[in-house]
Amino acid sequence: MTSSASAPLKLNMKRTFTIGFAFFGILLLWQVYDSWCPTFLTELFGNAFYGEAAKEHSEQVQYLVGIMMALDNLAALILLPIFGRISDRTHTRIGKRMPFILVGTFVSAVLFPFIPVFFHYHNLIGTVLIMGVVVIFMMMYRNPAVSLMPDLTPKPLRSKANGIINIMGYLGGACATVVGIFFVLSQYLGTQVGKPHTWQYQNIWAIEIPFLLASVLMIVSALFLFFRIRENEVAEQIKGDMERGELESESAVPVEDSGPMPRANKIMLLLILAAEFFWFMADNGIATFMGNYTVYYLGASTQSNMINTIVGGVGSVLGFAFGGVLASRIGRKWSVSLGLGVSLAAYAVWGILTFTTLKGAAGSGSFPPVIYAVWFIKGVGMSFVHVNSFPMVVELCSSSRIGQFTGYYYAASMAAQTITPVALGVLLLHPELNFGYLPVYALICLVISLGVFLFVKNVKAKKVAITKGLEAFDNDEMQ
């Protein structure tokens, strides 16, 4: 796809959706991992330390659950920037990102179904070890897979492209969630706490099928991406558009291939990463413990949390669909700020209701419908944030350093995801605190995030002209 100097840049929709299959596999696996591994660990640690009283002491082991989840994220914090920089410097016949995507996907997919197998046979060490190895290979393909979009998309179009990429990712997550509902995970978990070595007498397929499905779909999506995107060929074909994209960047200070990073761009990068750190502190902290909030605080079934995840995903998809359009009208900075404000309001409502009308919900065995509404609104808000913040980061680098700056973006998020499970787990040890304080924790983190992000200054006041509506998508055949 090559544009003339006067024609507006167009987004190649087919190519973008195809690249999205990489993110489809990423969120598919992460959704399964984040939804069930904390609960697996809660039952294993609870049984190891409290025996038959494990369920009554579920909150007392959350600091251990948080540490285990944080160790995975610590590995990601180290490995994501490394794989990003290595892939920037890799040159093969199939591209610089594709080797990492293929190897990481296949190894992760093969090992992933063994997590519920070790849990099923009540093997705590085996469960933790296999989780760690899976995470290492997930990191091998995550950074290169995410970097592929800005590699093949001009800068002014990256918010819209990122919206499509994220929609594909959430579709992947929804696949795992829906299957989890049908296989009734709640009938497996929580029924044998305190009875060592009884897991093997339950139906292992109730927890194995979602993991197997994730592995199969990951492999299929990676192969589809590999056979449809010839990375080197596409990069050569869109070279002219990429050069135009550099000229039409939102960054007020030009980006160069060599030399030190301009001070204004460096300050902007640090502010974005600091704000990102705190919004991931909020979002991931809630996501890590939401399953346990449902089971151990409300006493409700895990299907309720799965439905809640789907509701939030629907809100996110809507936000992803319109987040790029919104950015083309008011700019990425104010789109992110609006998203943070909307999410902050949703958590504030949840927090207020928790200590007023929802007081009786604790231990009731039911999932309050108002939380579905909160999750939907939060999903819309955070999608505005995610769809525009990543393009703001890679806006500040040349095409030869996209993997490196993608590593910066994910290092900030993984640093938050390393700290927040431990922080929340330790807070829950306090006798006056319980899972009902989750929205308060998220609210504090988002207030800090929005306060930091509002200091971002280094953005052009005038928007560049790009095509809008249906004309924004180039329907040319895939190259």
Protein backbone atom coordinates (compact mmCIF):
# COMPACT_ATOMS: atom_id res chain seq x y z
CA MET A 1 0.00 0.00 0.00
CA THR A 2 1.62 3.26 -1.09
CA SER A 3 0.03 6.67 -0.84
CA SER A 4 0.79 9.76 -2.84
CA ALA A 5 2.10 12.80 -1.00
CA SER A 6 -1.33 14.51 -1.01
CA ALA A 7 -3.68 11.58 -0.44
CA PRO A 8 -4.68 10.88 3.18
CA LEU A 9 -3.10 7.85 4.81
CA LYS A 10 -5.37 4.81 4.88
CA LEU A 11 -5.38 1.89 7.27
CA ASN A 12 -5.14 -1.52 5.61
CA MET A 13 -7.93 -3.24 7.52
CA LYS A 14 -7.22 -6.78 6.35
CA ARG A 15 -3.57 -6.62 7.28
CA THR A 16 -4.35 -5.06 10.67
CA PHE A 17 -6.93 -7.74 11.52
CA THR A 18 -4.43 -10.41 10.52
CA ILE A 19 -1.74 -8.91 12.73
CA GLY A 20 -4.38 -8.94 15.45
CA PHE A 21 -4.28 -12.73 15.51
CA ALA A 22 -0.98 -12.44 17.41
CA PHE A 23 -2.74 -10.44 20.12
CA PHE A 24 -5.69 -12.85 19.95
CA GLY A 25 -3.37 -15.61 21.16
CA ILE A 26 -1.77 -13.42 23.82
CA LEU A 27 -4.99 -12.38 25.56
CA LEU A 28 -6.52 -15.81 25.11
CA LEU A 29 -3.73 -17.34 27.16
CA TRP A 30 -3.55 -14.46 29.66
CA GLN A 31 -7.31 -14.60 30.28
CA VAL A 32 -7.14 -18.26 31.21
CA TYR A 33 -3.96 -17.74 33.24
CA ASP A 34 -5.22 -14.73 35.23
CA SER A 35 -8.73 -16.09 35.75
CA TRP A 36 -7.79 -19.44 37.27
CA CYS A 37 -4.18 -19.56 38.42
CA PRO A 38 -4.77 -17.31 41.49
CA THR A 39 -7.64 -19.57 42.54
CA PHE A 40 -5.54 -22.70 41.95
CA LEU A 41 -2.82 -21.23 44.15
CA THR A 42 -5.32 -20.16 46.82
CA GLU A 43 -6.58 -23.72 47.18
CA LEU A 44 -3.11 -25.28 47.11
CA PHE A 45 -1.62 -22.84 49.64
CA GLY A 46 -4.74 -22.98 51.79
CA ASN A 47 -4.67 -26.75 51.98
CA ALA A 48 -0.92 -26.79 52.66
CA PHE A 49 -1.13 -24.35 55.59
CA TYR A 50 -4.62 -24.71 57.04
CA GLY A 51 -5.85 -28.17 56.07
CA GLU A 52 -9.61 -28.51 56.60
CA ALA A 53 -9.92 -24.86 57.64
CA ALA A 54 -8.43 -23.63 54.35
CA LYS A 55 -11.56 -21.95 53.01
CA GLU A 56 -12.05 -19.92 56.20
CA HIS A 57 -8.45 -18.67 55.93
CA SER A 58 -8.43 -17.89 52.21
CA GLU A 59 -7.57 -14.22 52.77
CA GLN A 60 -4.55 -15.18 54.92
CA VAL A 61 -2.82 -16.86 51.97
CA GLN A 62 -3.41 -14.06 49.46
CA TYR A 63 0.03 -12.59 50.13
CA LEU A 64 1.53 -15.91 48.96
CA VAL A 65 -0.75 -15.93 45.91
CA GLY A 66 0.31 -12.36 45.21
CA ILE A 67 4.00 -13.23 45.50
CA MET A 68 3.65 -16.13 43.05
CA MET A 69 1.77 -13.98 40.54
CA ALA A 70 4.31 -11.19 41.07
CA LEU A 71 7.28 -13.48 40.37
CA ASP A 72 5.79 -14.27 36.97
CA ASN A 73 5.46 -10.57 36.26
CA LEU A 74 8.99 -9.92 37.53
CA ALA A 75 10.28 -12.34 34.90
CA ALA A 76 8.24 -10.46 32.32
CA LEU A 77 9.63 -7.12 33.53
CA ILE A 78 13.14 -8.37 32.80
CA LEU A 79 12.48 -10.38 29.63
CA LEU A 80 10.14 -8.10 27.67
CA PRO A 81 12.70 -5.33 27.07
CA ILE A 82 15.37 -7.93 26.30
CA PHE A 83 13.31 -9.70 23.64
CA GLY A 84 12.24 -6.34 22.25
CA ARG A 85 15.79 -5.16 21.69
CA ILE A 86 16.92 -8.52 20.34
CA SER A 87 14.06 -8.63 17.83
CA ASP A 88 14.88 -5.04 16.71
CA ARG A 89 18.30 -6.32 15.69
CA THR A 90 17.16 -9.63 14.19
CA HIS A 91 17.05 -10.10 10.43
CA THR A 92 15.83 -13.38 8.94
CA ARG A 93 14.06 -14.51 5.78
CA ILE A 94 10.75 -14.55 7.67
CA GLY A 95 11.26 -11.17 9.36
CA LYS A 96 12.56 -9.83 12.64
CA ARG A 97 9.48 -10.51 14.80
CA MET A 98 8.14 -13.73 13.32
CA PRO A 99 10.84 -16.14 14.68
CA PHE A 100 10.09 -15.04 18.24
CA ILE A 101 6.33 -15.23 17.70
CA LEU A 102 6.48 -18.78 16.37
CA VAL A 103 8.92 -20.25 18.93
CA GLY A 104 7.29 -18.54 21.91
CA THR A 105 3.79 -19.52 20.83
CA PHE A 106 4.52 -23.18 20.23
CA VAL A 107 6.46 -23.78 23.45
CA SER A 108 3.88 -21.91 25.56
CA ALA A 109 1.02 -23.78 23.91
CA VAL A 110 2.58 -27.19 24.58
CA LEU A 111 3.29 -26.49 28.25
CA PHE A 112 0.19 -24.48 29.18
CA PRO A 113 -2.25 -27.44 29.66
CA PHE A 114 0.08 -28.97 32.25
CA ILE A 115 -0.80 -26.22 34.78
CA PRO A 116 -4.24 -27.72 35.63
CA VAL A 117 -2.77 -31.23 35.50
CA PHE A 118 -0.31 -30.42 38.30
CA PHE A 119 -3.08 -28.69 40.24
CA HIS A 120 -5.38 -31.67 39.73
CA TYR A 121 -2.82 -33.94 41.39
CA HIS A 122 -2.29 -31.40 44.15
CA ASN A 123 1.32 -30.67 43.23
CA LEU A 124 2.08 -27.13 44.40
CA ILE A 125 5.73 -27.12 43.27
CA GLY A 126 4.87 -28.52 39.85
CA THR A 127 2.08 -25.98 39.37
CA VAL A 128 4.34 -23.05 40.24
CA LEU A 129 7.26 -24.28 38.10
CA ILE A 130 5.18 -24.87 34.98
CA MET A 131 3.55 -21.43 35.40
CA GLY A 132 7.03 -19.89 35.47
CA VAL A 133 8.27 -21.66 32.34
CA VAL A 134 5.10 -20.79 30.42
CA VAL A 135 5.50 -17.11 31.34
CA ILE A 136 9.11 -17.04 30.07
CA PHE A 137 8.08 -18.24 26.62
CA MET A 138 5.01 -16.03 26.61
CA MET A 139 7.38 -13.09 26.98
CA MET A 140 9.43 -14.34 24.05
CA TYR A 141 6.54 -13.76 21.67
CA ARG A 142 4.57 -11.01 23.44
CA ASN A 143 6.88 -8.06 22.74
CA PRO A 144 7.62 -9.00 19.10
CA ALA A 145 3.92 -9.74 18.48
CA VAL A 146 2.87 -6.33 19.81
CA SER A 147 5.73 -4.58 17.96
CA LEU A 148 4.53 -6.01 14.64
CA MET A 149 1.61 -3.55 14.49
CA PRO A 150 3.69 -0.32 14.69
CA ASP A 151 6.31 -1.97 12.44
CA LEU A 152 3.71 -2.13 9.65
CA THR A 153 1.48 0.87 10.45
CA PRO A 154 2.26 4.60 9.90
CA LYS A 155 2.28 6.67 13.10
CA PRO A 156 -0.96 8.66 12.56
CA LEU A 157 -2.96 5.44 12.07
CA ARG A 158 -1.68 3.49 15.08
CA SER A 159 -4.50 4.35 17.49
CA LYS A 160 -7.09 2.99 15.08
CA ALA A 161 -4.90 -0.02 14.32
CA ASN A 162 -4.35 -0.59 18.03
CA GLY A 163 -8.11 -0.57 18.51
CA ILE A 164 -8.49 -3.40 16.00
CA ILE A 165 -5.57 -5.30 17.54
CA ASN A 166 -7.13 -5.04 21.00
CA ILE A 167 -10.55 -6.13 19.73
CA MET A 168 -8.92 -9.27 18.36
CA GLY A 169 -7.24 -9.81 21.72
CA TYR A 170 -10.49 -9.49 23.64
CA LEU A 171 -12.18 -11.93 21.28
CA GLY A 172 -9.44 -14.38 22.24
CA GLY A 173 -10.07 -13.77 25.92
CA ALA A 174 -13.81 -14.18 25.44
CA CYS A 175 -13.32 -17.61 23.85
CA ALA A 176 -11.62 -18.92 26.98
CA THR A 177 -14.16 -17.29 29.31
CA VAL A 178 -17.20 -18.70 27.53
CA VAL A 179 -15.74 -22.19 27.52
CA GLY A 180 -14.96 -21.84 31.22
CA ILE A 181 -18.62 -21.08 31.91
CA PHE A 182 -19.84 -24.15 30.04
CA PHE A 183 -17.40 -26.45 31.78
CA VAL A 184 -18.55 -25.16 35.17
CA LEU A 185 -15.23 -24.52 36.88
CA SER A 186 -17.02 -23.70 40.14
CA GLN A 187 -18.21 -27.29 40.46
CA TYR A 188 -14.57 -28.37 40.53
CA LEU A 189 -13.00 -25.70 42.71
CA GLY A 190 -13.79 -25.16 46.38
CA THR A 191 -15.45 -28.54 46.90
CA GLN A 192 -12.47 -30.47 48.24
CA VAL A 193 -10.56 -27.86 50.25
CA GLY A 194 -8.97 -29.42 53.30
CA LYS A 195 -9.00 -32.97 51.94
CA PRO A 196 -5.51 -33.72 50.63
CA HIS A 197 -5.08 -35.72 47.45
CA THR A 198 -8.78 -35.82 46.56
CA TRP A 199 -8.53 -33.63 43.45
CA GLN A 200 -7.74 -36.61 41.24
CA TYR A 201 -11.18 -38.06 41.91
CA GLN A 202 -12.90 -35.08 40.31
CA ASN A 203 -13.45 -34.52 36.61
CA ILE A 204 -10.16 -33.04 35.40
CA TRP A 205 -11.70 -32.03 32.06
CA ALA A 206 -13.70 -29.32 33.84
CA ILE A 207 -10.47 -27.35 34.25
CA GLU A 208 -8.35 -28.87 31.47
CA ILE A 209 -10.55 -28.00 28.48
CA PRO A 210 -10.14 -24.19 28.72
CA PHE A 211 -6.34 -24.58 28.88
CA LEU A 212 -6.30 -27.00 25.95
CA LEU A 213 -8.56 -24.72 23.92
CA ALA A 214 -6.24 -21.78 24.60
CA SER A 215 -3.24 -23.79 23.41
CA VAL A 216 -4.91 -24.98 20.21
CA LEU A 217 -6.21 -21.53 19.27
CA MET A 218 -2.81 -19.98 20.00
CA ILE A 219 -1.15 -22.33 17.53
CA VAL A 220 -3.84 -21.78 14.91
CA SER A 221 -3.64 -17.99 15.24
CA ALA A 222 0.18 -18.00 15.00
CA LEU A 223 0.12 -20.17 11.87
CA PHE A 224 -2.56 -17.98 10.27
CA LEU A 225 -0.44 -14.90 10.99
CA PHE A 226 2.70 -16.53 9.61
CA PHE A 227 1.13 -17.63 6.32
CA ARG A 228 -0.77 -14.38 5.70
CA ILE A 229 1.85 -11.77 6.68
CA ARG A 230 5.13 -11.81 4.82
CA GLU A 231 6.85 -9.42 7.19
CA ASN A 232 9.81 -8.40 5.03
CA GLU A 233 7.71 -7.96 1.87
CA VAL A 234 5.07 -5.82 3.55
CA ALA A 235 7.70 -3.63 5.21
CA GLU A 236 9.26 -2.89 1.84
CA GLN A 237 5.90 -2.18 0.18
CA ILE A 238 4.78 0.38 2.78
CA LYS A 239 8.14 2.12 3.13
CA GLY A 240 6.79 5.36 1.63
CA ASP A 241 3.81 5.50 3.97
CA MET A 242 6.03 4.85 6.98
CA GLU A 243 8.22 7.82 6.00
CA ARG A 244 5.12 10.03 5.69
CA GLY A 245 3.99 8.80 9.08
CA GLU A 246 7.23 10.03 10.64
CA LEU A 247 6.58 13.52 9.23
CA GLU A 248 2.97 13.53 10.48
CA SER A 249 3.76 12.31 13.98
CA GLU A 250 1.96 13.91 16.95
CA SER A 251 5.27 14.39 18.74
CA ALA A 252 6.25 18.06 18.75
CA VAL A 253 9.97 17.24 18.63
CA PRO A 254 11.27 15.29 15.60
CA VAL A 255 12.48 11.72 16.15
CA GLU A 256 15.82 10.66 14.69
CA ASP A 257 17.40 7.24 14.17
CA SER A 258 20.67 8.19 15.84
CA GLY A 259 21.75 10.50 18.61
CA PRO A 260 20.36 11.01 22.10
CA MET A 261 16.65 11.26 22.74
CA PRO A 262 15.48 14.92 22.91
CA ARG A 263 14.82 16.10 26.47
CA ALA A 264 11.18 17.00 25.73
CA ASN A 265 10.51 13.52 24.34
CA LYS A 266 12.29 11.90 27.27
CA ILE A 267 10.13 13.78 29.78
CA MET A 268 7.00 12.86 27.86
CA LEU A 269 8.03 9.19 27.81
CA LEU A 270 8.71 9.12 31.56
CA LEU A 271 5.37 10.79 32.37
CA ILE A 272 3.43 8.33 30.20
CA LEU A 273 5.22 5.35 31.74
CA ALA A 274 4.67 6.65 35.28
CA ALA A 275 0.94 7.15 34.65
CA GLU A 276 0.77 3.75 32.98
CA PHE A 277 2.39 2.17 36.04
CA PHE A 278 -0.39 3.41 38.31
CA TRP A 279 -3.30 2.58 36.01
CA PHE A 280 -1.96 -0.97 35.75
CA MET A 281 -1.59 -1.02 39.54
CA ALA A 282 -5.33 -0.42 39.65
CA ASP A 283 -6.49 -2.59 36.78
CA ASN A 284 -4.27 -5.62 37.36
CA GLY A 285 -4.73 -5.52 41.11
CA ILE A 286 -8.48 -5.85 40.67
CA ALA A 287 -8.16 -8.45 37.91
CA THR A 288 -5.84 -10.64 39.98
CA PHE A 289 -8.19 -10.87 42.94
CA MET A 290 -11.60 -10.53 41.29
CA GLY A 291 -12.05 -14.29 41.09
CA ASN A 292 -11.30 -14.63 44.79
CA TYR A 293 -13.56 -11.63 45.55
CA THR A 294 -16.38 -13.51 43.85
CA VAL A 295 -15.76 -16.89 45.51
CA TYR A 296 -14.50 -15.97 48.97
CA TYR A 297 -16.06 -12.54 49.67
CA LEU A 298 -19.42 -12.78 47.94
CA GLY A 299 -19.66 -16.57 48.15
CA ALA A 300 -20.90 -16.55 44.53
CA SER A 301 -20.04 -18.97 41.74
CA THR A 302 -17.07 -18.48 39.44
CA GLN A 303 -19.50 -18.31 36.50
CA SER A 304 -20.58 -14.90 37.84
CA ASN A 305 -17.03 -13.59 37.54
CA MET A 306 -16.72 -15.09 34.06
CA ILE A 307 -19.91 -13.32 33.00
CA ASN A 308 -18.56 -10.13 34.57
CA THR A 309 -15.38 -10.54 32.53
CA ILE A 310 -17.44 -10.87 29.35
CA VAL A 311 -19.48 -7.76 30.22
CA GLY A 312 -16.27 -5.82 30.79
CA GLY A 313 -14.92 -7.20 27.53
CA VAL A 314 -17.97 -5.95 25.63
CA GLY A 315 -17.37 -2.48 27.07
CA SER A 316 -13.71 -2.73 26.10
CA VAL A 317 -14.50 -3.75 22.53
CA LEU A 318 -16.81 -0.74 22.15
CA GLY A 319 -14.10 1.49 23.54
CA PHE A 320 -11.49 0.00 21.23
CA ALA A 321 -13.78 0.54 18.24
CA PHE A 322 -14.24 4.24 18.99
CA GLY A 323 -11.03 5.08 20.87
CA GLY A 324 -9.03 5.70 17.71
CA VAL A 325 -11.79 7.86 16.20
CA LEU A 326 -11.98 9.84 19.43
CA ALA A 327 -8.22 10.41 19.31
CA SER A 328 -8.47 11.76 15.76
CA ARG A 329 -10.88 14.42 17.08
CA ILE A 330 -9.51 15.43 20.48
CA GLY A 331 -6.02 13.93 20.40
CA ARG A 332 -4.49 10.94 22.18
CA LYS A 333 -3.65 12.80 25.39
CA TRP A 334 -7.23 13.87 26.09
CA SER A 335 -8.61 10.51 24.97
CA VAL A 336 -6.43 8.80 27.59
CA SER A 337 -7.39 11.41 30.20
CA LEU A 338 -11.08 10.89 29.47
CA GLY A 339 -10.67 7.12 29.76
CA LEU A 340 -8.95 7.44 33.12
CA GLY A 341 -11.70 9.76 34.34
CA VAL A 342 -14.46 7.37 33.25
CA SER A 343 -12.73 4.40 34.91
CA LEU A 344 -12.12 6.42 38.06
CA ALA A 345 -15.82 7.27 38.23
CA ALA A 346 -16.78 3.60 37.83
CA TYR A 347 -14.53 2.51 40.70
CA ALA A 348 -15.82 5.39 42.85
CA VAL A 349 -19.41 4.20 42.36
CA TRP A 350 -18.43 0.61 43.20
CA GLY A 351 -16.55 1.74 46.29
CA ILE A 352 -19.43 3.89 47.59
CA LEU A 353 -21.97 1.13 46.99
CA THR A 354 -19.74 -1.45 48.70
CA PHE A 355 -20.01 0.41 52.00
CA THR A 356 -23.68 1.39 51.61
CA THR A 357 -26.24 -0.61 49.65
CA LEU A 358 -23.94 -3.58 48.92
CA LYS A 359 -23.01 -4.25 52.54
CA GLY A 360 -25.32 -7.23 52.67
CA ALA A 361 -23.83 -8.77 49.53
CA ALA A 362 -20.78 -10.12 51.41
CA GLY A 363 -21.27 -13.85 51.91
CA SER A 364 -24.73 -13.75 50.39
CA GLY A 365 -23.87 -16.19 47.61
CA SER A 366 -25.09 -13.77 44.93
CA PHE A 367 -23.25 -11.46 42.54
CA PRO A 368 -24.73 -7.91 42.63
CA PRO A 369 -25.85 -6.89 39.10
CA VAL A 370 -24.56 -3.34 39.65
CA ILE A 371 -20.99 -4.69 39.46
CA TYR A 372 -21.71 -5.75 35.86
CA ALA A 373 -22.55 -2.12 35.05
CA VAL A 374 -19.41 -0.90 36.80
CA TRP A 375 -17.29 -3.41 34.88
CA PHE A 376 -18.84 -2.38 31.56
CA ILE A 377 -18.15 1.33 32.17
CA LYS A 378 -14.65 0.59 33.43
CA GLY A 379 -14.05 -1.51 30.31
CA VAL A 380 -14.98 1.40 28.04
CA GLY A 381 -12.79 3.83 29.97
CA MET A 382 -9.69 1.67 30.16
CA SER A 383 -9.97 0.77 26.47
CA PHE A 384 -9.65 4.50 25.64
CA VAL A 385 -6.49 4.45 27.73
CA HIS A 386 -4.91 1.33 26.24
CA VAL A 387 -5.76 2.04 22.63
CA ASN A 388 -4.01 5.42 22.68
CA SER A 389 -1.22 5.12 25.26
CA PHE A 390 0.87 2.51 23.43
CA PRO A 391 0.89 4.54 20.18
CA MET A 392 1.98 7.58 22.23
CA VAL A 393 5.03 5.65 23.42
CA VAL A 394 6.12 4.27 20.04
CA GLU A 395 5.45 7.74 18.56
CA LEU A 396 8.64 8.80 20.32
CA CYS A 397 10.99 6.42 18.49
CA SER A 398 12.09 5.59 14.96
CA SER A 399 11.12 2.36 13.21
CA SER A 400 14.46 0.79 14.16
CA ARG A 401 13.69 1.02 17.89
CA ILE A 402 10.03 -0.04 18.08
CA GLY A 403 10.80 -3.26 19.94
CA GLN A 404 12.90 -1.36 22.47
CA PHE A 405 10.15 1.20 23.17
CA THR A 406 7.53 -1.54 23.26
CA GLY A 407 9.73 -3.05 25.93
CA TYR A 408 9.61 0.22 27.89
CA TYR A 409 5.82 0.24 27.68
CA TYR A 410 5.50 -3.32 28.91
CA ALA A 411 8.23 -2.90 31.51
CA ALA A 412 6.11 -0.21 33.17
CA SER A 413 3.01 -2.38 33.06
CA MET A 414 4.83 -5.46 34.30
CA ALA A 415 6.49 -3.51 37.11
CA ALA A 416 3.00 -2.58 38.28
CA GLN A 417 1.77 -6.13 37.84
CA THR A 418 4.75 -7.36 39.88
CA ILE A 419 4.05 -5.01 42.77
CA THR A 420 0.26 -4.81 42.88
CA PRO A 421 -0.57 -8.48 43.71
CA VAL A 422 1.90 -8.43 46.59
CA ALA A 423 0.72 -5.03 47.81
CA LEU A 424 -2.93 -6.10 47.79
CA GLY A 425 -2.12 -9.48 49.30
CA VAL A 426 -0.24 -7.83 52.18
CA LEU A 427 -3.04 -5.29 52.74
CA LEU A 428 -5.55 -8.12 53.01
CA LEU A 429 -3.58 -9.49 55.94
CA HIS A 430 -4.81 -6.52 58.00
CA PRO A 431 -7.70 -7.65 60.23
CA GLU A 432 -9.79 -4.60 59.29
CA LEU A 433 -9.44 -5.08 55.53
CA ASN A 434 -11.07 -7.59 53.19
CA PHE A 435 -11.84 -8.05 49.50
CA GLY A 436 -14.50 -5.33 49.79
CA TYR A 437 -11.71 -2.74 49.72
CA LEU A 438 -10.63 -3.63 46.17
CA PRO A 439 -12.40 -0.64 44.53
CA VAL A 440 -10.85 1.75 47.08
CA TYR A 441 -7.38 0.50 46.21
CA ALA A 442 -8.06 0.91 42.48
CA LEU A 443 -9.54 4.37 42.99
CA ILE A 444 -6.41 5.65 44.78
CA CYS A 445 -4.13 4.30 42.04
CA LEU A 446 -6.20 5.89 39.25
CA VAL A 447 -6.27 9.28 40.94
CA ILE A 448 -2.46 9.25 41.01
CA SER A 449 -2.31 8.04 37.39
CA LEU A 450 -4.58 10.78 36.07
CA GLY A 451 -2.72 13.43 38.09
CA VAL A 452 0.60 12.36 36.53
CA PHE A 453 -0.74 12.01 32.98
CA LEU A 454 -2.18 15.52 32.89
CA PHE A 455 1.42 16.84 32.93
CA VAL A 456 2.12 15.33 29.47
CA LYS A 457 2.86 18.36 27.26
CA ASN A 458 4.92 17.36 24.23
CA VAL A 459 2.07 16.91 21.72
CA LYS A 460 1.30 18.87 18.56
CA ALA A 461 -1.74 21.08 18.94
CA LYS A 462 -2.81 20.59 15.32
CA LYS A 463 -4.04 17.17 14.22
CA VAL A 464 -2.80 15.70 10.96
CA ALA A 465 -5.31 14.93 8.24
CA ILE A 466 -6.25 11.30 7.98
CA THR A 467 -9.26 9.69 6.37
CA LYS A 468 -12.27 9.11 8.60
CA GLY A 469 -15.24 6.81 8.54
CA LEU A 470 -15.31 3.94 6.10
CA GLU A 471 -12.63 5.59 3.98
CA ALA A 472 -10.18 5.18 6.84
CA PHE A 473 -9.81 1.53 5.92
CA ASP A 474 -7.94 0.45 2.82
CA ASN A 475 -9.73 -2.56 1.39
CA ASP A 476 -6.94 -3.44 -1.00
CA GLU A 477 -5.99 -7.08 -1.10
CA MET A 478 -3.50 -8.33 1.46
CA GLN A 479 0.06 -7.98 0.29
